[in-house]
């Protein structure tokens, strides 16, 4: 999501639409979590330096890109919520067209990618979702994350759950869904 937001900002600055190749790669990167497409777009945005410049414009203050790999970028739930806000808010530096395009892709992830924060979404409502996961080479433990915009009991919510040190991807997914199923209903009840 962050890489595509950065690419869209660059295209806006250059006053051009995304190329057909950029769109094809963006589509499989978001919808299918395709690593080859992500690497190609990581290179296109200027890697860690390009991401860092865009993140400052997007209001992300706790996300640190590493030159080694896009997958090793460190972030926080608060920054992921800031990114989701930039993707959904009218006050965003992203244009209406850029926000719409990113949300369109997030609304149409493949069925095998539709887990995580979407577990609490009202049936029949659009859910904008991006999940990520990575096994750590050093420990064999997994990072499993899920962020998105969901409609729960008629309320539109931005939700970000990040996890670390999971014994497997399925265990990480289960944990995220358990957290979301407990936290979101409690939060919406508290809001009244």
Protein backbone atom coordinates (compact mmCIF):
# COMPACT_ATOMS: atom_id res chain seq x y z
CA UNK A 1 0.00 0.00 0.00
CA UNK A 2 2.80 2.40 0.93
CA UNK A 3 4.78 1.61 -2.22
CA UNK A 4 1.74 2.20 -4.42
CA UNK A 5 0.88 5.45 -2.60
CA UNK A 6 4.46 6.58 -3.26
CA UNK A 7 4.23 5.63 -6.95
CA UNK A 8 0.93 7.51 -7.26
CA UNK A 9 2.44 10.62 -5.63
CA UNK A 10 5.35 10.49 -8.08
CA UNK A 11 2.98 10.18 -11.02
CA UNK A 12 0.91 13.11 -9.69
CA UNK A 13 4.07 15.23 -9.36
CA UNK A 14 5.01 14.34 -12.93
CA UNK A 15 1.43 15.15 -14.05
CA UNK A 16 0.98 11.78 -15.70
CA UNK A 17 -1.15 8.67 -15.29
CA UNK A 18 0.42 5.38 -14.32
CA UNK A 19 1.77 3.45 -17.29
CA UNK A 20 0.14 0.19 -18.35
CA UNK A 21 3.13 -1.69 -16.91
CA UNK A 22 2.90 0.20 -13.58
CA UNK A 23 -0.82 -0.56 -13.38
CA UNK A 24 -0.28 -4.24 -14.13
CA UNK A 25 2.36 -4.51 -11.43
CA UNK A 26 0.32 -2.46 -8.94
CA UNK A 27 -2.67 -4.70 -9.48
CA UNK A 28 -0.88 -7.95 -8.68
CA UNK A 29 1.12 -6.32 -5.89
CA UNK A 30 -2.04 -5.26 -4.03
CA UNK A 31 -4.51 -7.96 -5.04
CA UNK A 32 -2.18 -10.96 -4.91
CA UNK A 33 0.81 -9.78 -2.81
CA UNK A 34 3.11 -10.53 -5.75
CA UNK A 35 6.71 -10.05 -4.61
CA UNK A 36 8.22 -9.70 -8.09
CA UNK A 37 5.86 -6.82 -8.87
CA UNK A 38 6.59 -5.25 -5.51
CA UNK A 39 10.35 -5.40 -6.13
CA UNK A 40 9.89 -3.76 -9.55
CA UNK A 41 7.78 -0.93 -8.10
CA UNK A 42 10.19 -0.58 -5.14
CA UNK A 43 12.92 0.11 -7.69
CA UNK A 44 10.66 2.49 -9.63
CA UNK A 45 9.95 4.66 -6.57
CA UNK A 46 13.62 5.00 -5.66
CA UNK A 47 13.65 2.28 -3.00
CA UNK A 48 14.00 3.32 0.65
CA UNK A 49 14.87 6.94 -0.15
CA UNK A 50 11.82 7.39 -2.37
CA UNK A 51 9.54 5.75 0.18
CA UNK A 52 10.89 7.94 2.98
CA UNK A 53 10.30 11.15 1.02
CA UNK A 54 6.72 10.12 0.20
CA UNK A 55 6.06 8.99 3.77
CA UNK A 56 6.95 12.46 5.05
CA UNK A 57 4.36 13.91 2.64
CA UNK A 58 1.81 11.29 3.68
CA UNK A 59 2.28 12.12 7.37
CA UNK A 60 3.98 8.88 8.39
CA UNK A 61 6.36 9.70 11.22
CA UNK A 62 7.21 6.26 12.61
CA UNK A 63 7.89 4.24 9.47
CA UNK A 64 11.52 3.51 8.63
CA UNK A 65 12.39 2.04 5.25
CA UNK A 66 15.57 0.00 4.99
CA UNK A 67 17.75 -0.06 1.88
CA UNK A 68 18.01 -3.85 2.07
CA UNK A 69 14.37 -4.71 1.30
CA UNK A 70 10.88 -3.25 1.20
CA UNK A 71 9.81 -6.21 3.34
CA UNK A 72 12.02 -5.06 6.20
CA UNK A 73 10.42 -1.61 6.46
CA UNK A 74 9.57 -0.98 10.12
CA UNK A 75 6.26 0.68 10.90
CA UNK A 76 3.66 1.10 13.64
CA UNK A 77 -0.10 0.68 13.80
CA UNK A 78 -0.40 4.47 14.22
CA UNK A 79 1.49 5.07 10.97
CA UNK A 80 -0.54 2.44 9.15
CA UNK A 81 -3.67 4.30 10.27
CA UNK A 82 -2.11 7.55 8.99
CA UNK A 83 -1.48 5.82 5.66
CA UNK A 84 -5.05 4.52 5.54
CA UNK A 85 -6.25 8.04 6.29
CA UNK A 86 -4.15 9.37 3.41
CA UNK A 87 -5.75 6.76 1.16
CA UNK A 88 -9.31 7.58 2.27
CA UNK A 89 -9.39 11.26 3.31
CA UNK A 90 -10.37 14.19 1.11
CA UNK A 91 -7.60 16.21 2.80
CA UNK A 92 -4.93 13.81 1.53
CA UNK A 93 -1.98 14.78 -0.68
CA UNK A 94 -3.16 11.91 -2.87
CA UNK A 95 -5.57 13.07 -5.56
CA UNK A 96 -9.12 11.78 -5.79
CA UNK A 97 -8.10 9.62 -8.74
CA UNK A 98 -5.10 8.18 -6.87
CA UNK A 99 -7.16 7.40 -3.77
CA UNK A 100 -9.91 5.82 -5.85
CA UNK A 101 -7.45 3.65 -7.74
CA UNK A 102 -5.71 2.41 -4.61
CA UNK A 103 -9.02 1.68 -2.88
CA UNK A 104 -10.32 -0.11 -5.98
CA UNK A 105 -7.37 -2.50 -5.80
CA UNK A 106 -7.71 -2.94 -2.03
CA UNK A 107 -11.43 -3.65 -2.48
CA UNK A 108 -10.66 -6.53 -4.83
CA UNK A 109 -7.93 -8.63 -3.23
CA UNK A 110 -7.91 -12.30 -4.16
CA UNK A 111 -10.02 -14.60 -2.00
CA UNK A 112 -6.91 -16.16 -0.44
CA UNK A 113 -5.82 -12.65 0.64
CA UNK A 114 -9.17 -11.78 2.27
CA UNK A 115 -8.35 -12.41 5.92
CA UNK A 116 -7.42 -10.29 8.91
CA UNK A 117 -9.22 -7.05 9.71
CA UNK A 118 -11.96 -7.89 7.20
CA UNK A 119 -13.28 -10.56 9.60
CA UNK A 120 -15.52 -7.93 11.28
CA UNK A 121 -16.79 -6.32 8.07
CA UNK A 122 -20.52 -6.08 7.49
CA UNK A 123 -21.65 -8.45 4.75
CA UNK A 124 -22.09 -6.81 1.37
CA UNK A 125 -20.02 -3.73 2.22
CA UNK A 126 -16.78 -2.76 0.49
CA UNK A 127 -13.69 -3.68 2.47
CA UNK A 128 -10.40 -2.09 1.47
CA UNK A 129 -7.73 -4.50 2.65
CA UNK A 130 -3.98 -5.10 2.50
CA UNK A 131 -2.29 -7.89 4.36
CA UNK A 132 1.39 -8.71 4.63
CA UNK A 133 3.52 -11.49 6.05
CA UNK A 134 7.15 -12.43 6.24
CA UNK A 135 9.05 -15.31 7.81
CA UNK A 136 12.18 -14.04 9.57
CA UNK A 137 15.32 -15.81 8.37
CA UNK A 138 17.13 -15.44 11.70
CA UNK A 139 14.37 -16.85 13.92
CA UNK A 140 11.94 -18.68 11.63
CA UNK A 141 9.16 -16.67 13.29
CA UNK A 142 6.62 -14.73 11.28
CA UNK A 143 5.55 -11.11 10.97
CA UNK A 144 1.85 -11.06 10.02
CA UNK A 145 -0.01 -7.77 9.47
CA UNK A 146 -3.46 -6.68 8.35
CA UNK A 147 -4.72 -3.16 7.64
CA UNK A 148 -7.83 -1.82 6.01
CA UNK A 149 -11.00 0.15 5.90
CA UNK A 150 -14.03 -1.85 7.02
CA UNK A 151 -17.67 -1.13 7.67
CA UNK A 152 -18.72 -2.67 10.98
CA UNK A 153 -22.32 -2.27 12.19
CA UNK A 154 -22.73 0.59 9.74
CA UNK A 155 -19.63 2.50 10.89
CA UNK A 156 -16.66 3.00 8.59
CA UNK A 157 -13.46 2.22 10.49
CA UNK A 158 -9.76 2.26 9.70
CA UNK A 159 -8.08 -0.71 11.36
CA UNK A 160 -4.43 -1.76 11.61
CA UNK A 161 -3.14 -4.83 13.44
CA UNK A 162 0.56 -5.70 13.28
CA UNK A 163 2.04 -8.83 14.83
CA UNK A 164 5.54 -10.20 15.28
CA UNK A 165 7.14 -13.44 16.46
CA UNK A 166 4.32 -15.72 15.32
CA UNK A 167 5.17 -19.43 15.02
CA UNK A 168 3.47 -19.62 11.62
CA UNK A 169 1.45 -17.53 9.22
CA UNK A 170 -1.85 -19.28 10.12
CA UNK A 171 -1.22 -18.64 13.83
CA UNK A 172 -0.57 -14.96 13.03
CA UNK A 173 -3.77 -14.72 11.00
CA UNK A 174 -5.77 -16.35 13.82
CA UNK A 175 -4.28 -13.91 16.35
CA UNK A 176 -5.08 -10.87 14.21
CA UNK A 177 -8.65 -12.02 13.67
CA UNK A 178 -9.13 -12.76 17.39
CA UNK A 179 -7.83 -9.28 18.29
CA UNK A 180 -10.07 -7.61 15.72
CA UNK A 181 -13.14 -9.63 16.74
CA UNK A 182 -12.62 -8.55 20.36
CA UNK A 183 -11.47 -4.95 19.89
CA UNK A 184 -13.72 -3.61 17.12
CA UNK A 185 -17.10 -4.51 18.67
CA UNK A 186 -15.89 -3.16 22.03
CA UNK A 187 -14.69 0.07 20.43
CA UNK A 188 -17.90 0.62 18.47
CA UNK A 189 -20.01 -0.04 21.59
CA UNK A 190 -17.95 2.55 23.47
CA UNK A 191 -18.58 5.07 20.68
CA UNK A 192 -22.32 4.57 21.14
